C-alpha atoms as a PDB file:
ATOM      1  CA  UNK A   1     -39.392  -8.377  -2.168  1.00  0.00           C
ATOM      2  CA  UNK A   2     -42.088  -9.447   0.234  1.00  0.00           C
ATOM      3  CA  UNK A   3     -39.817 -11.922   2.019  1.00  0.00           C
ATOM      4  CA  UNK A   4     -38.324  -9.204   4.223  1.00  0.00           C
ATOM      5  CA  UNK A   5     -34.792 -10.163   3.227  1.00  0.00           C
ATOM      6  CA  UNK A   6     -32.457  -7.345   2.200  1.00  0.00           C
ATOM      7  CA  UNK A   7     -31.718  -6.986  -1.494  1.00  0.00           C
ATOM      8  CA  UNK A   8     -28.308  -8.406  -2.405  1.00  0.00           C
ATOM      9  CA  UNK A   9     -26.762  -7.374  -5.704  1.00  0.00           C
ATOM     10  CA  UNK A  10     -25.515 -10.240  -7.818  1.00  0.00           C
ATOM     11  CA  UNK A  11     -22.878  -8.037  -9.409  1.00  0.00           C
ATOM     12  CA  UNK A  12     -19.317  -8.971  -8.401  1.00  0.00           C
ATOM     13  CA  UNK A  13     -17.560  -6.362  -6.329  1.00  0.00           C
ATOM     14  CA  UNK A  14     -14.898  -4.544  -8.287  1.00  0.00           C
ATOM     15  CA  UNK A  15     -11.914  -3.427  -6.284  1.00  0.00           C
ATOM     16  CA  UNK A  16      -9.817  -0.818  -8.019  1.00  0.00           C
ATOM     17  CA  UNK A  17      -6.104  -0.477  -7.403  1.00  0.00           C
ATOM     18  CA  UNK A  18      -3.393   1.474  -9.196  1.00  0.00           C
ATOM     19  CA  UNK A  19       0.411   1.466  -8.933  1.00  0.00           C
ATOM     20  CA  UNK A  20       2.500   4.257 -10.475  1.00  0.00           C
ATOM     21  CA  UNK A  21       6.211   5.025 -10.400  1.00  0.00           C
ATOM     22  CA  UNK A  22       7.283   8.665 -10.383  1.00  0.00           C
ATOM     23  CA  UNK A  23      10.956   9.438 -10.960  1.00  0.00           C
ATOM     24  CA  UNK A  24      12.570  12.647  -9.721  1.00  0.00           C
ATOM     25  CA  UNK A  25      16.236  13.642  -9.398  1.00  0.00           C
ATOM     26  CA  UNK A  26      16.469  12.783  -5.683  1.00  0.00           C
ATOM     27  CA  UNK A  27      13.910  10.033  -5.331  1.00  0.00           C
ATOM     28  CA  UNK A  28      11.743   7.417  -6.976  1.00  0.00           C
ATOM     29  CA  UNK A  29       8.201   7.232  -5.628  1.00  0.00           C
ATOM     30  CA  UNK A  30       5.933   4.217  -5.777  1.00  0.00           C
ATOM     31  CA  UNK A  31       2.412   5.699  -5.680  1.00  0.00           C
ATOM     32  CA  UNK A  32      -0.335   3.333  -4.491  1.00  0.00           C
ATOM     33  CA  UNK A  33      -4.016   4.193  -4.936  1.00  0.00           C
ATOM     34  CA  UNK A  34      -7.222   2.407  -3.937  1.00  0.00           C
ATOM     35  CA  UNK A  35      -7.807  -0.667  -1.800  1.00  0.00           C
ATOM     36  CA  UNK A  36      -4.554  -2.404  -0.926  1.00  0.00           C
ATOM     37  CA  UNK A  37      -5.797  -5.980  -0.525  1.00  0.00           C
ATOM     38  CA  UNK A  38      -5.069  -9.451  -1.856  1.00  0.00           C
ATOM     39  CA  UNK A  39      -4.322 -10.159  -4.754  1.00  0.00           C
ATOM     40  CA  UNK A  40      -2.719  -6.740  -5.366  1.00  0.00           C
ATOM     41  CA  UNK A  41      -0.246  -7.167  -2.529  1.00  0.00           C
ATOM     42  CA  UNK A  42       1.769  -9.496  -4.777  1.00  0.00           C
ATOM     43  CA  UNK A  43       1.806  -6.830  -7.493  1.00  0.00           C
ATOM     44  CA  UNK A  44       2.864  -4.182  -4.981  1.00  0.00           C
ATOM     45  CA  UNK A  45       5.750  -6.314  -3.743  1.00  0.00           C
ATOM     46  CA  UNK A  46       6.879  -6.974  -7.310  1.00  0.00           C
ATOM     47  CA  UNK A  47       6.604  -3.277  -8.238  1.00  0.00           C
ATOM     48  CA  UNK A  48       8.513  -2.318  -5.071  1.00  0.00           C
ATOM     49  CA  UNK A  49      11.361  -4.698  -5.853  1.00  0.00           C
ATOM     50  CA  UNK A  50      11.466  -3.500  -9.448  1.00  0.00           C
ATOM     51  CA  UNK A  51      11.356   0.179  -8.406  1.00  0.00           C
ATOM     52  CA  UNK A  52      14.247  -0.467  -6.010  1.00  0.00           C
ATOM     53  CA  UNK A  53      16.501  -1.451  -8.894  1.00  0.00           C
ATOM     54  CA  UNK A  54      18.682   1.180 -10.496  1.00  0.00           C
ATOM     55  CA  UNK A  55      18.004   3.859  -7.891  1.00  0.00           C
ATOM     56  CA  UNK A  56      21.447   5.363  -8.552  1.00  0.00           C
ATOM     57  CA  UNK A  57      21.634   6.910  -5.082  1.00  0.00           C
ATOM     58  CA  UNK A  58      18.018   8.113  -4.970  1.00  0.00           C
ATOM     59  CA  UNK A  59      15.614   7.344  -2.116  1.00  0.00           C
ATOM     60  CA  UNK A  60      12.677   5.013  -2.667  1.00  0.00           C
ATOM     61  CA  UNK A  61       9.438   6.392  -1.231  1.00  0.00           C
ATOM     62  CA  UNK A  62       6.156   4.496  -0.898  1.00  0.00           C
ATOM     63  CA  UNK A  63       3.241   6.955  -1.211  1.00  0.00           C
ATOM     64  CA  UNK A  64       0.144   5.665   0.621  1.00  0.00           C
ATOM     65  CA  UNK A  65      -1.771   8.965   0.649  1.00  0.00           C
ATOM     66  CA  UNK A  66      -4.425   7.691  -1.778  1.00  0.00           C
ATOM     67  CA  UNK A  67      -4.817   4.217  -0.302  1.00  0.00           C
ATOM     68  CA  UNK A  68      -8.374   3.838   0.988  1.00  0.00           C
ATOM     69  CA  UNK A  69      -8.071   0.462   2.729  1.00  0.00           C
ATOM     70  CA  UNK A  70      -5.203  -1.774   3.860  1.00  0.00           C
ATOM     71  CA  UNK A  71      -5.966  -5.479   4.282  1.00  0.00           C
ATOM     72  CA  UNK A  72      -4.087  -8.024   6.437  1.00  0.00           C
ATOM     73  CA  UNK A  73      -1.957  -9.275   3.508  1.00  0.00           C
ATOM     74  CA  UNK A  74      -1.024  -5.683   2.744  1.00  0.00           C
ATOM     75  CA  UNK A  75       0.086  -5.106   6.335  1.00  0.00           C
ATOM     76  CA  UNK A  76       2.581  -7.941   5.922  1.00  0.00           C
ATOM     77  CA  UNK A  77       3.787  -6.499   2.604  1.00  0.00           C
ATOM     78  CA  UNK A  78       4.219  -3.024   4.131  1.00  0.00           C
ATOM     79  CA  UNK A  79       6.050  -4.544   7.104  1.00  0.00           C
ATOM     80  CA  UNK A  80       8.442  -6.302   4.714  1.00  0.00           C
ATOM     81  CA  UNK A  81       9.091  -3.015   2.904  1.00  0.00           C
ATOM     82  CA  UNK A  82       9.592  -1.199   6.204  1.00  0.00           C
ATOM     83  CA  UNK A  83      12.087  -3.812   7.412  1.00  0.00           C
ATOM     84  CA  UNK A  84      13.996  -3.291   4.185  1.00  0.00           C
ATOM     85  CA  UNK A  85      14.238   0.440   4.881  1.00  0.00           C
ATOM     86  CA  UNK A  86      11.435   1.859   2.721  1.00  0.00           C
ATOM     87  CA  UNK A  87      10.193   5.344   3.562  1.00  0.00           C
ATOM     88  CA  UNK A  88       6.467   6.095   3.502  1.00  0.00           C
ATOM     89  CA  UNK A  89       4.222   9.091   2.829  1.00  0.00           C
ATOM     90  CA  UNK A  90       0.887   8.614   4.601  1.00  0.00           C
ATOM     91  CA  UNK A  91      -2.417  10.425   4.369  1.00  0.00           C
ATOM     92  CA  UNK A  92      -5.299   9.695   6.711  1.00  0.00           C
ATOM     93  CA  UNK A  93      -5.253   9.190  10.445  1.00  0.00           C
ATOM     94  CA  UNK A  94      -5.932   5.453  10.193  1.00  0.00           C
ATOM     95  CA  UNK A  95      -3.093   4.895   7.734  1.00  0.00           C
ATOM     96  CA  UNK A  96      -0.687   6.859   9.939  1.00  0.00           C
ATOM     97  CA  UNK A  97      -1.822   4.855  12.973  1.00  0.00           C
ATOM     98  CA  UNK A  98      -1.353   1.552  11.132  1.00  0.00           C
ATOM     99  CA  UNK A  99       2.130   2.556   9.992  1.00  0.00           C
ATOM    100  CA  UNK A 100       3.084   3.430  13.585  1.00  0.00           C
ATOM    101  CA  UNK A 101       1.859   0.006  14.687  1.00  0.00           C
ATOM    102  CA  UNK A 102       3.901  -1.668  11.943  1.00  0.00           C
ATOM    103  CA  UNK A 103       6.946   0.383  12.941  1.00  0.00           C
ATOM    104  CA  UNK A 104       6.612  -0.922  16.499  1.00  0.00           C
ATOM    105  CA  UNK A 105       6.357  -4.488  15.147  1.00  0.00           C
ATOM    106  CA  UNK A 106       9.562  -4.187  13.167  1.00  0.00           C
ATOM    107  CA  UNK A 107      11.266  -1.965  15.760  1.00  0.00           C
ATOM    108  CA  UNK A 108      11.726   0.794  13.183  1.00  0.00           C
ATOM    109  CA  UNK A 109      10.926   4.465  13.520  1.00  0.00           C
ATOM    110  CA  UNK A 110       7.950   5.802  11.548  1.00  0.00           C
END
């Protein structure tokens, strides 16, 4: 590459994301893993609504401890969940900071 331009891979970027539901006697947990970005925000919202059905008195928890990135669309999805009363488990400092910012936006406590 004598042109001096940096090498750019022509491979498409693959963004991995996983959603799991874990049922326990006192709660149902929606476990999110990977990069929370568009188009997976639509899937997360659908999974959240589905997980919220038939709780039978259990709490619904959104586990963000294995989320590595949260995009702008995802912030809106998380804000919607927060406004609806979802509880969150957070991991890293940046995720905790973002959730505090979202809590201020919706006037909830995080």
